[in-house]
Amino acid sequence: MSDDDLEMTIGVVNDAITAGDPRSVADLLDPDVVWEHNLGAGTPEEGVYRGRESVIQLLERVVETWEYLRPEPRSIDRLDEGVYLVKGDLHAKHRASDMEIGASYEQQLEFRDHKLVKGWMKVAS
């Protein structure tokens, strides 16, 4: 995957999250994708998710609790062939509160044949 393809893919996924429609990018996930979500953070959705449908359902649960959720990457570094570290800022507003939240995040994304096969995300508390 070229750097340009990667940036475009990340942009498409982030746009889908911002729009509250993670299912629209299901075809970018490998059928056997493994996603580690906020491990060690103690968040409600913390865990390891296996398979495309499981990851999409996680993302749907995450976006439905927020009035808006907007990830903005600051840097994308290639760690190895097809493996990238993304650092960015997450801007959000929960549906049950007037408070807006800002936090930094990190993701490691591994792609094969233009599909995400493995990844993790951690949001700073």
N, C-alpha and C. Protein backbone atom coordinates (compact mmCIF):
# COMPACT_ATOMS: atom_id res chain seq x y z
N MET A 1 0.85 -1.17 0.00
CA MET A 1 0.00 0.00 0.00
C MET A 1 0.89 1.23 0.00
N SER A 2 0.68 2.13 -0.94
CA SER A 2 1.49 3.35 -0.99
C SER A 2 1.05 4.30 0.12
N ASP A 3 1.92 5.24 0.45
CA ASP A 3 1.60 6.22 1.48
C ASP A 3 0.36 7.02 1.09
N ASP A 4 0.22 7.37 -0.20
CA ASP A 4 -0.95 8.11 -0.66
C ASP A 4 -2.22 7.28 -0.48
N ASP A 5 -2.16 5.98 -0.82
CA ASP A 5 -3.31 5.10 -0.63
C ASP A 5 -3.68 5.00 0.84
N LEU A 6 -2.66 4.90 1.70
CA LEU A 6 -2.91 4.80 3.12
C LEU A 6 -3.60 6.06 3.64
N GLU A 7 -3.08 7.23 3.29
CA GLU A 7 -3.69 8.47 3.75
C GLU A 7 -5.13 8.60 3.26
N MET A 8 -5.38 8.18 2.02
CA MET A 8 -6.74 8.23 1.49
C MET A 8 -7.65 7.26 2.26
N THR A 9 -7.17 6.06 2.55
CA THR A 9 -7.95 5.07 3.29
C THR A 9 -8.27 5.57 4.69
N ILE A 10 -7.27 6.11 5.37
CA ILE A 10 -7.51 6.66 6.71
C ILE A 10 -8.53 7.79 6.64
N GLY A 11 -8.42 8.64 5.64
CA GLY A 11 -9.38 9.73 5.47
C GLY A 11 -10.80 9.23 5.24
N VAL A 12 -10.95 8.19 4.43
CA VAL A 12 -12.28 7.62 4.15
C VAL A 12 -12.87 7.03 5.44
N VAL A 13 -12.06 6.31 6.19
CA VAL A 13 -12.55 5.71 7.44
C VAL A 13 -12.91 6.81 8.44
N ASN A 14 -12.05 7.80 8.60
CA ASN A 14 -12.35 8.89 9.54
C ASN A 14 -13.61 9.64 9.13
N ASP A 15 -13.82 9.86 7.84
CA ASP A 15 -15.04 10.51 7.37
C ASP A 15 -16.26 9.67 7.72
N ALA A 16 -16.15 8.35 7.59
CA ALA A 16 -17.27 7.46 7.92
C ALA A 16 -17.57 7.51 9.42
N ILE A 17 -16.53 7.54 10.25
CA ILE A 17 -16.72 7.65 11.70
C ILE A 17 -17.38 8.98 12.03
N THR A 18 -16.88 10.06 11.46
CA THR A 18 -17.45 11.39 11.69
C THR A 18 -18.92 11.44 11.27
N ALA A 19 -19.26 10.77 10.17
CA ALA A 19 -20.64 10.75 9.67
C ALA A 19 -21.51 9.75 10.44
N GLY A 20 -20.91 8.97 11.35
CA GLY A 20 -21.67 8.00 12.11
C GLY A 20 -22.05 6.76 11.31
N ASP A 21 -21.26 6.45 10.28
CA ASP A 21 -21.59 5.35 9.38
C ASP A 21 -20.39 4.42 9.16
N PRO A 22 -19.91 3.75 10.21
CA PRO A 22 -18.76 2.88 10.02
C PRO A 22 -19.03 1.70 9.08
N ARG A 23 -20.28 1.27 8.95
CA ARG A 23 -20.58 0.14 8.07
C ARG A 23 -20.23 0.44 6.62
N SER A 24 -20.20 1.72 6.25
CA SER A 24 -19.90 2.08 4.86
C SER A 24 -18.47 1.74 4.46
N VAL A 25 -17.60 1.46 5.42
CA VAL A 25 -16.21 1.13 5.10
C VAL A 25 -15.88 -0.32 5.44
N ALA A 26 -16.90 -1.15 5.60
CA ALA A 26 -16.67 -2.56 5.95
C ALA A 26 -15.79 -3.26 4.93
N ASP A 27 -15.90 -2.88 3.66
CA ASP A 27 -15.10 -3.53 2.62
C ASP A 27 -13.61 -3.24 2.74
N LEU A 28 -13.21 -2.29 3.60
CA LEU A 28 -11.79 -2.00 3.82
C LEU A 28 -11.19 -2.88 4.91
N LEU A 29 -12.04 -3.70 5.56
CA LEU A 29 -11.58 -4.61 6.60
C LEU A 29 -11.47 -6.03 6.06
N ASP A 30 -10.38 -6.69 6.38
CA ASP A 30 -10.24 -8.10 6.03
C ASP A 30 -11.32 -8.88 6.78
N PRO A 31 -11.88 -9.93 6.18
CA PRO A 31 -12.90 -10.71 6.88
C PRO A 31 -12.44 -11.23 8.25
N ASP A 32 -11.13 -11.46 8.41
CA ASP A 32 -10.58 -11.99 9.67
C ASP A 32 -9.82 -10.93 10.47
N VAL A 33 -10.15 -9.68 10.28
CA VAL A 33 -9.47 -8.58 10.97
C VAL A 33 -9.50 -8.80 12.48
N VAL A 34 -8.41 -8.36 13.15
CA VAL A 34 -8.33 -8.37 14.61
C VAL A 34 -8.09 -6.92 15.05
N TRP A 35 -8.94 -6.42 15.96
CA TRP A 35 -8.85 -5.04 16.43
C TRP A 35 -8.78 -5.05 17.95
N GLU A 36 -7.73 -4.42 18.51
CA GLU A 36 -7.57 -4.27 19.96
C GLU A 36 -7.97 -2.85 20.31
N HIS A 37 -9.01 -2.72 21.10
CA HIS A 37 -9.59 -1.40 21.37
C HIS A 37 -9.35 -0.96 22.81
N ASN A 38 -8.52 0.07 22.98
CA ASN A 38 -8.26 0.70 24.28
C ASN A 38 -7.86 -0.29 25.37
N LEU A 39 -7.06 -1.30 25.02
CA LEU A 39 -6.66 -2.28 26.03
C LEU A 39 -5.95 -1.61 27.20
N GLY A 40 -6.38 -1.96 28.41
CA GLY A 40 -5.79 -1.40 29.61
C GLY A 40 -6.34 -0.06 30.04
N ALA A 41 -7.26 0.50 29.26
CA ALA A 41 -7.80 1.83 29.57
C ALA A 41 -9.02 1.79 30.48
N GLY A 42 -9.67 0.63 30.57
CA GLY A 42 -10.85 0.53 31.41
C GLY A 42 -12.09 1.18 30.81
N THR A 43 -12.10 1.39 29.50
CA THR A 43 -13.26 1.99 28.85
C THR A 43 -14.33 0.92 28.60
N PRO A 44 -15.59 1.34 28.43
CA PRO A 44 -16.67 0.36 28.27
C PRO A 44 -16.48 -0.61 27.10
N GLU A 45 -15.90 -0.21 26.03
CA GLU A 45 -15.76 -1.07 24.85
C GLU A 45 -14.37 -1.69 24.73
N GLU A 46 -13.57 -1.59 25.80
CA GLU A 46 -12.23 -2.17 25.78
C GLU A 46 -12.30 -3.66 25.47
N GLY A 47 -11.41 -4.11 24.57
CA GLY A 47 -11.39 -5.53 24.28
C GLY A 47 -10.74 -5.84 22.95
N VAL A 48 -10.69 -7.13 22.64
CA VAL A 48 -10.16 -7.61 21.37
C VAL A 48 -11.35 -8.09 20.54
N TYR A 49 -11.46 -7.57 19.34
CA TYR A 49 -12.57 -7.87 18.44
C TYR A 49 -12.02 -8.61 17.23
N ARG A 50 -12.65 -9.72 16.90
CA ARG A 50 -12.17 -10.57 15.81
C ARG A 50 -13.25 -10.70 14.74
N GLY A 51 -12.85 -10.41 13.52
CA GLY A 51 -13.77 -10.53 12.39
C GLY A 51 -14.39 -9.20 12.01
N ARG A 52 -14.67 -9.06 10.73
CA ARG A 52 -15.20 -7.81 10.17
C ARG A 52 -16.48 -7.36 10.89
N GLU A 53 -17.43 -8.26 11.05
CA GLU A 53 -18.71 -7.87 11.64
C GLU A 53 -18.55 -7.43 13.09
N SER A 54 -17.70 -8.10 13.84
CA SER A 54 -17.45 -7.73 15.23
C SER A 54 -16.84 -6.33 15.33
N VAL A 55 -15.91 -6.02 14.46
CA VAL A 55 -15.27 -4.69 14.47
C VAL A 55 -16.27 -3.62 14.05
N ILE A 56 -17.06 -3.89 13.03
CA ILE A 56 -18.07 -2.91 12.60
C ILE A 56 -19.09 -2.66 13.71
N GLN A 57 -19.53 -3.71 14.38
CA GLN A 57 -20.48 -3.54 15.49
C GLN A 57 -19.88 -2.71 16.61
N LEU A 58 -18.60 -2.93 16.92
CA LEU A 58 -17.92 -2.09 17.91
C LEU A 58 -17.97 -0.63 17.50
N LEU A 59 -17.57 -0.35 16.27
CA LEU A 59 -17.54 1.03 15.81
C LEU A 59 -18.94 1.66 15.80
N GLU A 60 -19.95 0.88 15.47
CA GLU A 60 -21.32 1.40 15.51
C GLU A 60 -21.73 1.75 16.94
N ARG A 61 -21.38 0.90 17.91
CA ARG A 61 -21.69 1.21 19.32
C ARG A 61 -20.94 2.46 19.78
N VAL A 62 -19.70 2.59 19.35
CA VAL A 62 -18.90 3.75 19.75
C VAL A 62 -19.52 5.04 19.20
N VAL A 63 -19.82 5.08 17.91
CA VAL A 63 -20.31 6.34 17.33
C VAL A 63 -21.72 6.69 17.78
N GLU A 64 -22.54 5.70 18.14
CA GLU A 64 -23.93 6.02 18.50
C GLU A 64 -24.04 6.77 19.82
N THR A 65 -23.02 6.69 20.68
CA THR A 65 -23.09 7.39 21.97
C THR A 65 -22.62 8.84 21.90
N TRP A 66 -22.11 9.24 20.74
CA TRP A 66 -21.56 10.59 20.61
C TRP A 66 -22.40 11.44 19.65
N GLU A 67 -22.57 12.69 20.03
CA GLU A 67 -23.21 13.64 19.11
C GLU A 67 -22.31 13.85 17.90
N TYR A 68 -21.02 13.98 18.19
CA TYR A 68 -20.03 13.94 17.12
C TYR A 68 -18.74 13.33 17.64
N LEU A 69 -18.02 12.72 16.74
CA LEU A 69 -16.75 12.06 17.04
C LEU A 69 -15.88 12.27 15.81
N ARG A 70 -14.80 13.04 15.98
CA ARG A 70 -13.98 13.42 14.83
C ARG A 70 -12.50 13.15 15.09
N PRO A 71 -11.97 12.07 14.51
CA PRO A 71 -10.53 11.81 14.61
C PRO A 71 -9.76 12.64 13.57
N GLU A 72 -8.64 13.22 14.00
CA GLU A 72 -7.79 14.02 13.10
C GLU A 72 -6.35 13.57 13.25
N PRO A 73 -5.83 12.82 12.28
CA PRO A 73 -4.43 12.37 12.35
C PRO A 73 -3.45 13.54 12.29
N ARG A 74 -2.40 13.47 13.13
CA ARG A 74 -1.32 14.46 13.10
C ARG A 74 -0.11 13.91 12.37
N SER A 75 0.12 12.59 12.52
CA SER A 75 1.28 11.99 11.86
C SER A 75 0.97 10.53 11.52
N ILE A 76 1.59 10.09 10.43
CA ILE A 76 1.49 8.70 10.01
C ILE A 76 2.90 8.25 9.68
N ASP A 77 3.38 7.25 10.44
CA ASP A 77 4.74 6.75 10.25
C ASP A 77 4.70 5.29 9.84
N ARG A 78 5.49 4.97 8.81
CA ARG A 78 5.61 3.58 8.36
C ARG A 78 6.58 2.86 9.30
N LEU A 79 6.10 1.77 9.93
CA LEU A 79 6.93 0.99 10.83
C LEU A 79 7.58 -0.19 10.11
N ASP A 80 6.87 -0.72 9.12
CA ASP A 80 7.32 -1.89 8.38
C ASP A 80 6.45 -1.95 7.13
N GLU A 81 6.70 -2.91 6.27
CA GLU A 81 5.88 -3.06 5.07
C GLU A 81 4.42 -3.30 5.47
N GLY A 82 3.56 -2.36 5.12
CA GLY A 82 2.13 -2.48 5.41
C GLY A 82 1.72 -2.16 6.83
N VAL A 83 2.67 -1.73 7.68
CA VAL A 83 2.38 -1.45 9.09
C VAL A 83 2.67 0.02 9.37
N TYR A 84 1.68 0.70 9.98
CA TYR A 84 1.78 2.14 10.19
C TYR A 84 1.36 2.51 11.60
N LEU A 85 1.98 3.56 12.12
CA LEU A 85 1.60 4.15 13.41
C LEU A 85 0.97 5.50 13.12
N VAL A 86 -0.25 5.68 13.59
CA VAL A 86 -0.98 6.93 13.39
C VAL A 86 -1.14 7.58 14.75
N LYS A 87 -0.77 8.85 14.85
CA LYS A 87 -0.98 9.64 16.06
C LYS A 87 -1.87 10.82 15.69
N GLY A 88 -2.83 11.11 16.55
CA GLY A 88 -3.73 12.20 16.21
C GLY A 88 -4.50 12.71 17.41
N ASP A 89 -5.48 13.53 17.11
CA ASP A 89 -6.35 14.13 18.11
C ASP A 89 -7.79 13.72 17.83
N LEU A 90 -8.50 13.43 18.90
CA LEU A 90 -9.89 13.03 18.80
C LEU A 90 -10.74 14.12 19.43
N HIS A 91 -11.72 14.61 18.69
CA HIS A 91 -12.64 15.64 19.18
C HIS A 91 -14.02 15.03 19.24
N ALA A 92 -14.72 15.21 20.38
CA ALA A 92 -16.00 14.54 20.55
C ALA A 92 -16.90 15.31 21.49
N LYS A 93 -18.19 15.02 21.36
CA LYS A 93 -19.20 15.54 22.28
C LYS A 93 -20.19 14.42 22.51
N HIS A 94 -20.33 14.03 23.79
CA HIS A 94 -21.24 12.95 24.16
C HIS A 94 -22.69 13.44 24.04
N ARG A 95 -23.57 12.56 23.66
CA ARG A 95 -25.00 12.92 23.50
C ARG A 95 -25.64 13.34 24.82
N ALA A 96 -25.16 12.83 25.95
CA ALA A 96 -25.79 13.10 27.24
C ALA A 96 -25.15 14.27 27.99
N SER A 97 -24.29 15.03 27.34
CA SER A 97 -23.57 16.10 28.03
C SER A 97 -23.33 17.27 27.08
N ASP A 98 -23.14 18.44 27.66
CA ASP A 98 -22.79 19.61 26.85
C ASP A 98 -21.28 19.77 26.72
N MET A 99 -20.53 18.96 27.46
CA MET A 99 -19.08 19.10 27.46
C MET A 99 -18.46 18.49 26.20
N GLU A 100 -17.55 19.24 25.61
CA GLU A 100 -16.77 18.73 24.48
C GLU A 100 -15.47 18.15 25.01
N ILE A 101 -15.01 17.10 24.34
CA ILE A 101 -13.84 16.37 24.80
C ILE A 101 -12.77 16.39 23.71
N GLY A 102 -11.55 16.55 24.13
CA GLY A 102 -10.41 16.43 23.22
C GLY A 102 -9.39 15.51 23.85
N ALA A 103 -8.86 14.58 23.07
CA ALA A 103 -7.86 13.64 23.58
C ALA A 103 -6.95 13.23 22.44
N SER A 104 -5.75 12.86 22.78
CA SER A 104 -4.84 12.33 21.76
C SER A 104 -5.07 10.82 21.64
N TYR A 105 -4.73 10.29 20.48
CA TYR A 105 -4.86 8.86 20.26
C TYR A 105 -3.69 8.34 19.45
N GLU A 106 -3.48 7.03 19.55
CA GLU A 106 -2.52 6.31 18.72
C GLU A 106 -3.20 5.08 18.16
N GLN A 107 -2.85 4.76 16.92
CA GLN A 107 -3.32 3.55 16.28
C GLN A 107 -2.14 2.89 15.59
N GLN A 108 -2.11 1.59 15.62
CA GLN A 108 -1.20 0.85 14.76
C GLN A 108 -2.07 0.06 13.80
N LEU A 109 -1.81 0.21 12.53
CA LEU A 109 -2.63 -0.39 11.48
C LEU A 109 -1.76 -1.26 10.59
N GLU A 110 -2.21 -2.48 10.35
CA GLU A 110 -1.50 -3.40 9.47
C GLU A 110 -2.41 -3.76 8.29
N PHE A 111 -1.94 -3.49 7.10
CA PHE A 111 -2.70 -3.72 5.88
C PHE A 111 -2.07 -4.83 5.05
N ARG A 112 -2.91 -5.62 4.41
CA ARG A 112 -2.48 -6.61 3.43
C ARG A 112 -3.51 -6.58 2.31
N ASP A 113 -3.04 -6.46 1.08
CA ASP A 113 -3.93 -6.40 -0.09
C ASP A 113 -4.98 -5.29 0.07
N HIS A 114 -4.55 -4.14 0.58
CA HIS A 114 -5.39 -2.95 0.74
C HIS A 114 -6.52 -3.13 1.75
N LYS A 115 -6.40 -4.10 2.63
CA LYS A 115 -7.41 -4.31 3.67
C LYS A 115 -6.73 -4.33 5.03
N LEU A 116 -7.42 -3.78 6.03
CA LEU A 116 -6.91 -3.81 7.40
C LEU A 116 -7.02 -5.22 7.93
N VAL A 117 -5.89 -5.80 8.35
CA VAL A 117 -5.88 -7.15 8.89
C VAL A 117 -5.70 -7.18 10.40
N LYS A 118 -5.07 -6.10 10.92
CA LYS A 118 -4.83 -6.04 12.37
C LYS A 118 -4.61 -4.59 12.77
N GLY A 119 -5.10 -4.26 13.93
CA GLY A 119 -4.87 -2.90 14.42
C GLY A 119 -5.19 -2.76 15.88
N TRP A 120 -4.74 -1.67 16.43
CA TRP A 120 -5.10 -1.31 17.79
C TRP A 120 -5.24 0.20 17.89
N MET A 121 -5.99 0.61 18.90
CA MET A 121 -6.18 2.03 19.16
C MET A 121 -6.19 2.25 20.66
N LYS A 122 -5.51 3.31 21.07
CA LYS A 122 -5.53 3.73 22.46
C LYS A 122 -5.76 5.23 22.49
N VAL A 123 -6.69 5.63 23.34
CA VAL A 123 -6.98 7.05 23.54
C VAL A 123 -6.41 7.44 24.89
N ALA A 124 -5.68 8.54 24.92
CA ALA A 124 -5.10 9.01 26.19
C ALA A 124 -6.22 9.49 27.10
N SER A 125 -6.08 9.20 28.38
CA SER A 125 -7.12 9.63 29.33
C SER A 125 -6.76 10.94 29.98
